[in-house]
Amino acid sequence: MSITLLARKQVQALTPYQSARRIGGHGHIWLNANEAADSGEYQLDCSRLNRYPECQPPHVVNAYAAYAGVSAEQLLVTRGGDEGIELLIRTFCEPGQDNIVICSPTYGMYAISAETNGVGIIDVPLNNQRQPDFDGIIAKLNNTKIVFLCSPNNPTGDLVDSTGLRRLLDAAKGRALVVVDEAYIEFCPEFTQADLLDDYPQLVLIRTLSKAFGLAGLRCGFTIANPEVIGLLLKVIPPYPIPEPVAQIAAQALSDTGLATMRARVADINQLKVTLTEQLRQHPQVQEVFAPNGNYVLVRFSQGAALFARMAKAGIILRDFASRPGLADCIRITIGTQTEMDAVLDVLQQEQ
């Protein structure tokens, strides 16, 4: 008998999330995972590695709470934003009974985490303006425990409309959580929904050090929510989620010096993004440049597959989204260095 048959049926049928690293590729310019071009330098004190780490290291919690403008009681440190997503589903959704709502096209881990935990998925696709269909979502709340929204949305880059979000939050009161994934919010911080937290205890935000802080390899994220929500998540999170080296580096990244480094990186990326976007919009092979609010741009080309292959041949690894509904011929380009952006434009200028 195959060992596979011993696994849960949901796992047997599951298609794993195809992360950029899992897809892989061969090249020397990696612009497929929305990673920063640098990480900065950090120091490690190894004197406590013989001890188990604290579940929620206070120096990290307090530093991020101060940065985000919330209280420490509203914060949970997790292994990347992905663990926060997983914990919310495991804490609030009954397997085989409850559902989550997603708004495709969007980040794939919401659905993967739900599938893994035997939780149903209701897809209410984005509307023609690439906004959540708030009426459609509200109509599904009787069968829903969590609504996942991504702002800026990965991969389209669009921001959630605040008026529609407030209407959804009013409708979800006492019925469901509304989770706004703000993994890329540092690139447009004026659009955070953090100011709604005090008025809406059903609102949850997901944050990370992976993008603007340049620490994707650290796997450090944050869930920001009402203290009651945080208390419930603490019942489910493993006892030692944040390794000591992770806590040390995270605290350094959240220091005054670390924050200044992050903001300088964001300014550089945003400027490169503006320049790249302007050049792409003038190119005859480009049909559409989507909302440039993250550290990436999604671009619809006249012949996306051919362009993707040309980039790969030149050693430039991008992310192809052509298989997603409504994203035919669309390719996502991470904003890298000036040299890397020039390489992308050079290939684009070549004859097909």
Protein backbone atom coordinates (compact mmCIF):
# COMPACT_ATOMS: atom_id res chain seq x y z
CA MET A 1 0.00 0.00 0.00
CA SER A 2 1.30 3.45 -0.90
CA ILE A 3 2.23 5.60 2.09
CA THR A 4 0.37 8.44 0.34
CA LEU A 5 -2.92 6.70 1.13
CA LEU A 6 -2.21 7.17 4.83
CA ALA A 7 -2.21 10.95 4.44
CA ARG A 8 -5.33 13.07 4.95
CA LYS A 9 -7.49 13.19 1.83
CA GLN A 10 -7.13 16.98 1.67
CA VAL A 11 -3.36 16.61 1.55
CA GLN A 12 -3.50 13.84 -1.06
CA ALA A 13 -5.51 16.11 -3.36
CA LEU A 14 -3.57 19.30 -2.56
CA THR A 15 -1.50 21.13 -5.16
CA PRO A 16 1.22 22.98 -3.20
CA TYR A 17 1.63 26.72 -3.57
CA GLN A 18 3.98 27.40 -6.43
CA SER A 19 6.28 29.97 -4.85
CA ALA A 20 8.87 31.69 -7.00
CA ARG A 21 11.61 29.71 -5.29
CA ARG A 22 9.76 26.44 -5.83
CA ILE A 23 9.23 27.16 -9.53
CA GLY A 24 12.89 28.05 -9.85
CA GLY A 25 14.56 28.75 -13.16
CA HIS A 26 18.01 29.36 -14.57
CA GLY A 27 19.38 32.86 -14.74
CA HIS A 28 21.43 35.56 -13.09
CA ILE A 29 18.79 38.27 -12.61
CA TRP A 30 16.02 37.19 -10.25
CA LEU A 31 12.95 39.43 -10.47
CA ASN A 32 10.22 36.88 -9.80
CA ALA A 33 9.74 36.85 -6.01
CA ASN A 34 9.32 40.53 -5.03
CA GLU A 35 12.52 40.33 -3.02
CA ALA A 36 14.64 43.37 -2.19
CA ALA A 37 17.97 43.74 -3.95
CA ASP A 38 19.80 43.92 -0.61
CA SER A 39 19.29 42.98 3.04
CA GLY A 40 21.61 45.24 5.01
CA GLU A 41 24.12 44.07 7.63
CA TYR A 42 23.33 42.71 11.08
CA GLN A 43 25.17 41.44 14.13
CA LEU A 44 24.39 38.25 16.07
CA ASP A 45 25.03 37.46 19.74
CA CYS A 46 25.30 33.67 20.02
CA SER A 47 25.52 33.53 23.80
CA ARG A 48 21.84 32.53 24.24
CA LEU A 49 21.50 29.96 21.48
CA ASN A 50 21.50 27.20 24.11
CA ARG A 51 18.19 28.56 25.48
CA TYR A 52 14.72 28.25 24.03
CA PRO A 53 13.54 31.61 22.70
CA GLU A 54 10.59 33.56 24.06
CA CYS A 55 7.31 32.93 22.27
CA GLN A 56 6.83 36.65 21.72
CA PRO A 57 10.13 38.49 22.21
CA PRO A 58 9.18 41.78 23.92
CA HIS A 59 11.90 43.84 22.23
CA VAL A 60 10.53 42.84 18.81
CA VAL A 61 6.88 43.20 19.78
CA ASN A 62 7.40 46.63 21.33
CA ALA A 63 9.56 47.88 18.46
CA TYR A 64 7.09 46.85 15.77
CA ALA A 65 4.11 48.12 17.76
CA ALA A 66 5.79 51.52 18.02
CA TYR A 67 6.56 51.48 14.30
CA ALA A 68 3.01 50.47 13.35
CA GLY A 69 1.34 52.85 15.81
CA VAL A 70 -0.48 50.16 17.76
CA SER A 71 -0.23 48.72 21.26
CA ALA A 72 1.83 45.64 22.08
CA GLU A 73 -1.41 43.82 22.99
CA GLN A 74 -2.54 44.21 19.37
CA LEU A 75 0.47 42.42 17.94
CA LEU A 76 1.61 38.85 17.27
CA VAL A 77 5.01 38.01 15.79
CA THR A 78 4.91 35.06 13.39
CA ARG A 79 7.15 33.12 11.02
CA GLY A 80 6.43 35.36 8.07
CA GLY A 81 3.03 36.69 7.17
CA ASP A 82 2.14 33.20 5.95
CA GLU A 83 2.02 31.82 9.49
CA GLY A 84 -0.36 34.60 10.48
CA ILE A 85 -2.69 33.55 7.65
CA GLU A 86 -2.46 29.91 8.70
CA LEU A 87 -3.07 30.70 12.38
CA LEU A 88 -6.18 32.75 11.61
CA ILE A 89 -7.69 29.90 9.61
CA ARG A 90 -6.80 27.26 12.20
CA THR A 91 -8.13 29.41 15.05
CA PHE A 92 -11.41 30.63 13.57
CA CYS A 93 -12.49 28.06 10.95
CA GLU A 94 -14.02 24.65 11.70
CA PRO A 95 -12.70 22.07 9.20
CA GLY A 96 -15.39 20.70 6.93
CA GLN A 97 -17.82 23.38 8.03
CA ASP A 98 -16.54 26.94 7.59
CA ASN A 99 -15.35 28.91 4.57
CA ILE A 100 -13.03 31.75 3.75
CA VAL A 101 -13.58 34.33 1.00
CA ILE A 102 -10.83 35.27 -1.43
CA CYS A 103 -10.94 37.76 -4.30
CA SER A 104 -8.99 36.40 -7.23
CA PRO A 105 -6.57 37.11 -8.67
CA THR A 106 -4.74 37.44 -5.36
CA TYR A 107 -2.06 35.89 -3.16
CA GLY A 108 -2.26 32.11 -3.38
CA MET A 109 -1.52 31.18 0.22
CA TYR A 110 -5.00 32.11 1.49
CA ALA A 111 -6.50 29.27 -0.53
CA ILE A 112 -3.64 26.85 0.13
CA SER A 113 -3.90 27.33 3.90
CA ALA A 114 -7.65 26.82 3.77
CA GLU A 115 -7.33 23.66 1.67
CA THR A 116 -4.66 22.24 3.95
CA ASN A 117 -6.94 22.70 6.95
CA GLY A 118 -10.08 21.33 5.30
CA VAL A 119 -11.73 24.75 5.13
CA GLY A 120 -13.89 25.78 2.17
CA ILE A 121 -12.99 28.54 -0.25
CA ILE A 122 -15.48 30.98 -1.76
CA ASP A 123 -13.98 33.01 -4.58
CA VAL A 124 -15.61 36.38 -5.22
CA PRO A 125 -13.42 37.70 -8.06
CA LEU A 126 -12.33 41.30 -8.30
CA ASN A 127 -14.67 43.49 -10.32
CA ASN A 128 -13.85 45.29 -13.57
CA GLN A 129 -12.11 48.05 -11.61
CA ARG A 130 -10.00 45.36 -9.90
CA GLN A 131 -11.68 46.17 -6.60
CA PRO A 132 -13.26 43.62 -4.25
CA ASP A 133 -16.91 43.03 -5.12
CA PHE A 134 -18.11 44.21 -1.73
CA ASP A 135 -21.78 43.44 -2.46
CA GLY A 136 -20.82 39.94 -3.54
CA ILE A 137 -18.69 39.39 -0.44
CA ILE A 138 -21.37 40.68 1.92
CA ALA A 139 -23.86 38.29 0.32
CA LYS A 140 -21.56 35.38 1.30
CA LEU A 141 -20.98 36.36 4.93
CA ASN A 142 -23.53 33.91 6.34
CA ASN A 143 -21.26 31.07 5.20
CA THR A 144 -17.93 32.76 5.91
CA LYS A 145 -15.57 33.10 8.87
CA ILE A 146 -12.72 35.07 7.25
CA VAL A 147 -12.51 37.44 4.29
CA PHE A 148 -8.99 37.88 2.89
CA LEU A 149 -8.16 41.10 1.04
CA CYS A 150 -4.69 42.05 -0.16
CA SER A 151 -3.72 45.75 -0.31
CA PRO A 152 -1.62 46.41 -2.35
CA ASN A 153 -2.92 43.32 -4.07
CA ASN A 154 -0.42 40.73 -5.22
CA PRO A 155 -0.14 40.49 -8.21
CA THR A 156 -2.21 43.43 -9.55
CA GLY A 157 -0.94 46.13 -7.18
CA ASP A 158 -4.36 47.66 -6.52
CA LEU A 159 -5.34 49.16 -3.17
CA VAL A 160 -8.54 48.28 -1.34
CA ASP A 161 -11.10 51.07 -1.44
CA SER A 162 -11.54 52.35 2.13
CA THR A 163 -15.21 53.22 1.72
CA GLY A 164 -16.04 49.73 0.51
CA LEU A 165 -13.91 48.21 3.25
CA ARG A 166 -15.80 50.13 5.93
CA ARG A 167 -19.08 48.91 4.49
CA LEU A 168 -17.80 45.33 4.57
CA LEU A 169 -16.55 45.72 8.14
CA ASP A 170 -19.94 47.02 9.24
CA ALA A 171 -21.64 44.03 7.61
CA ALA A 172 -19.12 41.55 9.07
CA LYS A 173 -19.58 42.67 12.68
CA GLY A 174 -20.17 39.58 14.83
CA ARG A 175 -20.07 37.34 11.75
CA ALA A 176 -16.58 37.20 10.26
CA LEU A 177 -13.07 38.56 10.41
CA VAL A 178 -11.84 40.81 7.60
CA VAL A 179 -8.11 40.36 7.03
CA VAL A 180 -6.23 42.99 5.03
CA ASP A 181 -2.83 41.71 3.95
CA GLU A 182 -0.48 44.71 3.94
CA ALA A 183 2.75 42.92 3.04
CA TYR A 184 3.68 45.73 0.64
CA ILE A 185 2.27 48.71 2.55
CA GLU A 186 5.68 50.31 3.17
CA PHE A 187 5.75 51.27 -0.51
CA CYS A 188 2.57 53.33 -0.04
CA PRO A 189 2.24 53.78 3.76
CA GLU A 190 -0.40 56.49 3.51
CA PHE A 191 -2.89 53.81 2.42
CA THR A 192 -2.65 51.54 5.47
CA GLN A 193 -5.93 50.56 7.10
CA ALA A 194 -4.39 50.63 10.60
CA ASP A 195 -6.46 53.67 11.57
CA LEU A 196 -9.59 51.50 11.38
CA LEU A 197 -8.41 48.98 13.99
CA ASP A 198 -9.84 50.78 17.03
CA ASP A 199 -13.29 51.13 15.44
CA TYR A 200 -13.52 47.62 14.00
CA PRO A 201 -12.45 44.74 16.29
CA GLN A 202 -13.14 42.31 13.42
CA LEU A 203 -10.33 43.87 11.32
CA VAL A 204 -6.95 42.10 11.13
CA LEU A 205 -3.81 43.27 9.33
CA ILE A 206 -0.95 41.09 8.10
CA ARG A 207 2.53 42.63 7.84
CA THR A 208 6.05 41.35 7.12
CA LEU A 209 9.76 42.19 7.13
CA SER A 210 10.20 40.30 3.84
CA LYS A 211 9.63 43.10 1.35
CA ALA A 212 10.59 46.69 2.22
CA PHE A 213 12.89 45.57 5.03
CA GLY A 214 14.76 43.25 2.66
CA LEU A 215 14.53 40.28 5.03
CA ALA A 216 12.62 37.60 3.11
CA GLY A 217 15.08 34.99 4.34
CA LEU A 218 14.41 35.89 7.97
CA ARG A 219 10.76 34.74 7.89
CA CYS A 220 9.39 37.32 10.29
CA GLY A 221 5.85 38.65 10.03
CA PHE A 222 3.25 40.34 12.18
CA THR A 223 -0.47 40.01 12.78
CA ILE A 224 -2.11 43.20 14.03
CA ALA A 225 -5.56 42.87 15.53
CA ASN A 226 -7.87 43.42 18.46
CA PRO A 227 -6.28 42.06 21.69
CA GLU A 228 -9.04 39.44 21.91
CA VAL A 229 -8.05 38.09 18.48
CA ILE A 230 -4.37 38.08 19.46
CA GLY A 231 -5.20 36.18 22.66
CA LEU A 232 -6.95 33.47 20.66
CA LEU A 233 -4.06 33.17 18.20
CA LEU A 234 -1.67 32.77 21.11
CA LYS A 235 -3.56 29.62 22.07
CA VAL A 236 -2.72 28.06 18.73
CA ILE A 237 0.75 29.32 17.84
CA PRO A 238 3.59 26.87 18.66
CA PRO A 239 5.56 27.59 21.86
CA TYR A 240 8.80 28.77 20.21
CA PRO A 241 7.89 30.35 16.87
CA ILE A 242 10.58 33.06 16.69
CA PRO A 243 14.20 31.79 16.77
CA GLU A 244 16.68 33.86 18.76
CA PRO A 245 18.69 34.97 15.68
CA VAL A 246 15.46 36.07 13.97
CA ALA A 247 14.46 38.14 16.99
CA GLN A 248 17.88 39.79 17.16
CA ILE A 249 17.90 40.77 13.49
CA ALA A 250 14.26 41.89 13.55
CA ALA A 251 14.97 44.18 16.51
CA GLN A 252 17.91 45.71 14.65
CA ALA A 253 15.78 46.21 11.54
CA LEU A 254 13.19 48.02 13.66
CA SER A 255 15.72 50.32 15.35
CA ASP A 256 15.97 53.97 14.28
CA THR A 257 18.91 53.07 12.05
CA GLY A 258 17.11 50.07 10.60
CA LEU A 259 13.97 52.07 9.86
CA ALA A 260 16.01 54.77 8.16
CA THR A 261 17.66 52.10 5.99
CA MET A 262 14.27 50.65 5.09
CA ARG A 263 12.83 54.04 4.15
CA ALA A 264 15.84 54.86 1.99
CA ARG A 265 15.43 51.49 0.24
CA VAL A 266 11.73 52.18 -0.35
CA ALA A 267 12.50 55.62 -1.80
CA ASP A 268 15.01 54.09 -4.22
CA ILE A 269 12.63 51.31 -5.27
CA ASN A 270 9.72 53.70 -5.76
CA GLN A 271 11.85 55.98 -7.95
CA LEU A 272 13.06 53.07 -10.06
CA LYS A 273 9.45 51.90 -10.33
CA VAL A 274 8.26 55.28 -11.60
CA THR A 275 10.95 55.33 -14.26
CA LEU A 276 10.34 51.74 -15.33
CA THR A 277 6.57 52.25 -15.46
CA GLU A 278 6.91 55.33 -17.67
CA GLN A 279 9.20 53.49 -20.08
CA LEU A 280 6.98 50.43 -20.21
CA ARG A 281 3.85 52.46 -20.98
CA GLN A 282 5.57 53.95 -24.02
CA HIS A 283 6.59 50.59 -25.46
CA PRO A 284 4.53 49.15 -28.36
CA GLN A 285 4.65 45.60 -26.92
CA VAL A 286 3.02 46.74 -23.66
CA GLN A 287 -0.76 46.76 -23.56
CA GLU A 288 -1.26 47.64 -19.89
CA VAL A 289 0.75 48.45 -16.79
CA PHE A 290 -1.24 47.64 -13.66
CA ALA A 291 -1.29 49.70 -10.45
CA PRO A 292 2.34 50.23 -9.33
CA ASN A 293 1.85 50.33 -5.55
CA GLY A 294 4.18 47.55 -4.39
CA ASN A 295 7.81 46.73 -5.15
CA TYR A 296 6.71 45.21 -8.46
CA VAL A 297 4.68 45.98 -11.55
CA LEU A 298 2.32 43.64 -13.35
CA VAL A 299 2.46 44.19 -17.10
CA ARG A 300 0.25 42.88 -19.90
CA PHE A 301 2.28 42.37 -23.06
CA SER A 302 1.00 41.79 -26.59
CA GLN A 303 2.76 38.41 -26.59
CA GLY A 304 3.43 37.56 -22.97
CA ALA A 305 4.67 34.00 -23.41
CA ALA A 306 7.17 34.97 -26.08
CA LEU A 307 8.46 37.89 -24.01
CA PHE A 308 8.78 35.69 -20.90
CA ALA A 309 10.80 33.16 -22.91
CA ARG A 310 13.07 35.91 -24.29
CA MET A 311 13.72 37.21 -20.79
CA ALA A 312 14.51 33.70 -19.53
CA LYS A 313 16.90 33.12 -22.43
CA ALA A 314 18.71 36.30 -21.39
CA GLY A 315 18.94 35.02 -17.80
CA ILE A 316 16.18 37.27 -16.43
CA ILE A 317 13.69 35.34 -14.32
CA LEU A 318 10.25 36.99 -14.07
CA ARG A 319 6.87 35.67 -12.85
CA ASP A 320 4.30 34.59 -15.42
CA PHE A 321 0.65 35.09 -14.40
CA ALA A 322 -0.96 34.19 -17.73
CA SER A 323 -2.74 31.19 -16.21
CA ARG A 324 -4.68 33.34 -13.73
CA PRO A 325 -8.20 34.45 -14.69
CA GLY A 326 -8.17 37.81 -16.42
CA LEU A 327 -4.37 37.98 -16.55
CA ALA A 328 -3.61 36.59 -20.01
CA ASP A 329 -0.18 37.71 -21.27
CA CYS A 330 0.59 39.26 -17.86
CA ILE A 331 4.07 39.15 -16.34
CA ARG A 332 5.10 40.49 -12.94
CA ILE A 333 8.43 42.28 -12.68
CA THR A 334 10.06 42.83 -9.30
CA ILE A 335 11.78 46.20 -8.98
CA GLY A 336 15.47 45.37 -8.62
CA THR A 337 18.55 47.51 -9.13
CA GLN A 338 19.02 50.09 -11.86
CA THR A 339 21.27 47.64 -13.69
CA GLU A 340 18.60 44.93 -13.52
CA MET A 341 15.87 47.27 -14.75
CA ASP A 342 18.10 48.33 -17.64
CA ALA A 343 18.61 44.66 -18.53
CA VAL A 344 14.84 44.12 -18.66
CA LEU A 345 14.38 47.12 -20.96
CA ASP A 346 17.27 46.01 -23.17
CA VAL A 347 15.61 42.64 -23.80
CA LEU A 348 12.28 44.32 -24.38
CA GLN A 349 13.84 46.52 -27.06
CA GLN A 350 15.24 43.56 -28.96
CA GLU A 351 13.52 42.32 -32.08
CA GLN A 352 11.29 39.33 -31.50
